[in-house]
Amino acid sequence: MITRIVELQIQAEQIGAAKKLLEDVAPKVRNMPGCRRLEIMFDIHRKGRVTTYSYWESETNLNEYRDSDVFLVFWKAIKPMFSEKARAWSSEHFIVLE
């Protein structure tokens, strides 16, 4: 299993619009082939800091999502709301506790 972690810093005046975009895209991401879970978190101390964790069956599934219209439309809409460059990385699970 692969976990994709993405950190976004949203401009203060764009937080409401970003939350709406995230709310709208979340069910679409969760329904992508190979997506096992999606978590979206807003930092309680850094206003506008969003961290997402998505869990994928394989890197192939993750890459299919990243090449999909779901991602491309969402990313085009949210990227102008950033106040910093997004950070992202993928990790392969070594031990899975369930």
C-alpha atoms as a PDB file:
ATOM      1  CA  MET A   1       0.000   0.000   0.000  1.00  0.00           C
ATOM      2  CA  ILE A   2       1.108   3.552  -0.819  1.00  0.00           C
ATOM      3  CA  THR A   3       0.371   6.676   1.218  1.00  0.00           C
ATOM      4  CA  ARG A   4       0.451   9.997  -0.577  1.00  0.00           C
ATOM      5  CA  ILE A   5       0.947  12.972   1.740  1.00  0.00           C
ATOM      6  CA  VAL A   6       0.340  16.476   0.434  1.00  0.00           C
ATOM      7  CA  GLU A   7       0.788  19.741   2.349  1.00  0.00           C
ATOM      8  CA  LEU A   8      -0.852  22.894   1.074  1.00  0.00           C
ATOM      9  CA  GLN A   9      -0.728  26.421   2.441  1.00  0.00           C
ATOM     10  CA  ILE A  10      -3.849  28.294   1.411  1.00  0.00           C
ATOM     11  CA  GLN A  11      -4.079  32.112   1.307  1.00  0.00           C
ATOM     12  CA  ALA A  12      -6.163  33.333   4.258  1.00  0.00           C
ATOM     13  CA  GLU A  13      -8.827  34.912   2.048  1.00  0.00           C
ATOM     14  CA  GLN A  14      -9.157  31.667   0.040  1.00  0.00           C
ATOM     15  CA  ILE A  15      -9.691  29.205   2.911  1.00  0.00           C
ATOM     16  CA  GLY A  16     -13.477  29.036   2.503  1.00  0.00           C
ATOM     17  CA  ALA A  17     -13.243  28.423  -1.234  1.00  0.00           C
ATOM     18  CA  ALA A  18     -10.495  25.806  -0.716  1.00  0.00           C
ATOM     19  CA  LYS A  19     -12.626  23.951   1.853  1.00  0.00           C
ATOM     20  CA  LYS A  20     -15.489  23.850  -0.653  1.00  0.00           C
ATOM     21  CA  LEU A  21     -13.211  22.495  -3.402  1.00  0.00           C
ATOM     22  CA  LEU A  22     -11.847  19.831  -1.048  1.00  0.00           C
ATOM     23  CA  GLU A  23     -15.344  18.896   0.103  1.00  0.00           C
ATOM     24  CA  ASP A  24     -16.484  18.524  -3.515  1.00  0.00           C
ATOM     25  CA  VAL A  25     -13.490  16.496  -4.716  1.00  0.00           C
ATOM     26  CA  ALA A  26     -13.184  14.145  -1.711  1.00  0.00           C
ATOM     27  CA  PRO A  27     -15.939  11.666  -2.741  1.00  0.00           C
ATOM     28  CA  LYS A  28     -14.545  11.567  -6.282  1.00  0.00           C
ATOM     29  CA  VAL A  29     -11.055  10.720  -5.004  1.00  0.00           C
ATOM     30  CA  ARG A  30     -12.439   8.104  -2.612  1.00  0.00           C
ATOM     31  CA  ASN A  31     -14.208   6.444  -5.550  1.00  0.00           C
ATOM     32  CA  MET A  32     -11.095   6.245  -7.731  1.00  0.00           C
ATOM     33  CA  PRO A  33      -9.874   2.698  -8.404  1.00  0.00           C
ATOM     34  CA  GLY A  34      -7.406   1.625  -5.732  1.00  0.00           C
ATOM     35  CA  CYS A  35      -8.131   4.429  -3.262  1.00  0.00           C
ATOM     36  CA  ARG A  36      -8.631   2.867   0.151  1.00  0.00           C
ATOM     37  CA  ARG A  37      -8.935   6.047   2.217  1.00  0.00           C
ATOM     38  CA  LEU A  38      -8.631   9.828   2.053  1.00  0.00           C
ATOM     39  CA  GLU A  39      -8.111  12.118   5.045  1.00  0.00           C
ATOM     40  CA  ILE A  40      -8.120  15.921   4.817  1.00  0.00           C
ATOM     41  CA  MET A  41      -6.918  17.904   7.815  1.00  0.00           C
ATOM     42  CA  PHE A  42      -6.674  21.600   8.623  1.00  0.00           C
ATOM     43  CA  ASP A  43      -3.892  22.556  11.039  1.00  0.00           C
ATOM     44  CA  ILE A  44      -5.215  23.937  14.327  1.00  0.00           C
ATOM     45  CA  HIS A  45      -2.270  26.333  14.753  1.00  0.00           C
ATOM     46  CA  ARG A  46      -1.294  27.375  11.212  1.00  0.00           C
ATOM     47  CA  LYS A  47      -4.282  28.961   9.529  1.00  0.00           C
ATOM     48  CA  GLY A  48      -4.648  27.721   5.972  1.00  0.00           C
ATOM     49  CA  ARG A  49      -2.321  24.712   6.344  1.00  0.00           C
ATOM     50  CA  VAL A  50      -3.999  21.653   4.815  1.00  0.00           C
ATOM     51  CA  THR A  51      -2.551  18.146   4.912  1.00  0.00           C
ATOM     52  CA  THR A  52      -4.051  15.299   2.942  1.00  0.00           C
ATOM     53  CA  TYR A  53      -3.328  11.615   3.330  1.00  0.00           C
ATOM     54  CA  SER A  54      -4.540   9.288   0.610  1.00  0.00           C
ATOM     55  CA  TYR A  55      -4.011   5.544   0.775  1.00  0.00           C
ATOM     56  CA  TRP A  56      -3.650   3.586  -2.458  1.00  0.00           C
ATOM     57  CA  GLU A  57      -3.469  -0.101  -3.308  1.00  0.00           C
ATOM     58  CA  SER A  58      -0.504   0.580  -5.603  1.00  0.00           C
ATOM     59  CA  GLU A  59       1.612   3.310  -7.095  1.00  0.00           C
ATOM     60  CA  THR A  60      -0.074   2.527 -10.418  1.00  0.00           C
ATOM     61  CA  ASN A  61      -3.462   3.420  -8.889  1.00  0.00           C
ATOM     62  CA  LEU A  62      -2.023   6.639  -7.455  1.00  0.00           C
ATOM     63  CA  ASN A  63      -0.525   7.615 -10.797  1.00  0.00           C
ATOM     64  CA  GLU A  64      -3.788   6.848 -12.606  1.00  0.00           C
ATOM     65  CA  TYR A  65      -5.526   9.235 -10.211  1.00  0.00           C
ATOM     66  CA  ARG A  66      -2.836  11.892 -10.722  1.00  0.00           C
ATOM     67  CA  ASP A  67      -3.388  11.620 -14.507  1.00  0.00           C
ATOM     68  CA  SER A  68      -7.192  11.724 -14.188  1.00  0.00           C
ATOM     69  CA  ASP A  69      -9.565  14.591 -14.917  1.00  0.00           C
ATOM     70  CA  VAL A  70     -10.627  14.452 -11.241  1.00  0.00           C
ATOM     71  CA  PHE A  71      -7.132  15.492 -10.165  1.00  0.00           C
ATOM     72  CA  LEU A  72      -6.319  17.811 -13.070  1.00  0.00           C
ATOM     73  CA  VAL A  73      -9.523  19.871 -12.713  1.00  0.00           C
ATOM     74  CA  PHE A  74      -9.158  20.060  -8.921  1.00  0.00           C
ATOM     75  CA  TRP A  75      -5.461  21.012  -9.052  1.00  0.00           C
ATOM     76  CA  LYS A  76      -6.080  23.731 -11.645  1.00  0.00           C
ATOM     77  CA  ALA A  77      -8.759  25.230  -9.379  1.00  0.00           C
ATOM     78  CA  ILE A  78      -6.893  25.066  -6.052  1.00  0.00           C
ATOM     79  CA  LYS A  79      -3.341  25.902  -7.133  1.00  0.00           C
ATOM     80  CA  PRO A  80      -3.990  29.678  -7.499  1.00  0.00           C
ATOM     81  CA  MET A  81      -5.135  29.668  -3.846  1.00  0.00           C
ATOM     82  CA  PHE A  82      -1.698  28.654  -2.543  1.00  0.00           C
ATOM     83  CA  SER A  83       0.463  31.071  -0.604  1.00  0.00           C
ATOM     84  CA  GLU A  84       3.412  28.639  -0.777  1.00  0.00           C
ATOM     85  CA  LYS A  85       4.474  25.899  -3.133  1.00  0.00           C
ATOM     86  CA  ALA A  86       2.767  22.585  -2.314  1.00  0.00           C
ATOM     87  CA  ARG A  87       4.851  19.775  -0.848  1.00  0.00           C
ATOM     88  CA  ALA A  88       4.077  16.127  -1.605  1.00  0.00           C
ATOM     89  CA  TRP A  89       5.636  12.732  -1.167  1.00  0.00           C
ATOM     90  CA  SER A  90       4.678   9.076  -1.342  1.00  0.00           C
ATOM     91  CA  SER A  91       5.599   6.326   1.086  1.00  0.00           C
ATOM     92  CA  GLU A  92       5.271   2.587   0.853  1.00  0.00           C
ATOM     93  CA  HIS A  93       3.943   0.873   3.936  1.00  0.00           C
ATOM     94  CA  PHE A  94       6.440  -1.371   5.655  1.00  0.00           C
ATOM     95  CA  ILE A  95       4.145  -2.579   8.443  1.00  0.00           C
ATOM     96  CA  VAL A  96       0.385  -2.175   8.304  1.00  0.00           C
ATOM     97  CA  LEU A  97      -1.547  -2.200  11.553  1.00  0.00           C
ATOM     98  CA  GLU A  98      -5.270  -2.693  11.179  1.00  0.00           C
END
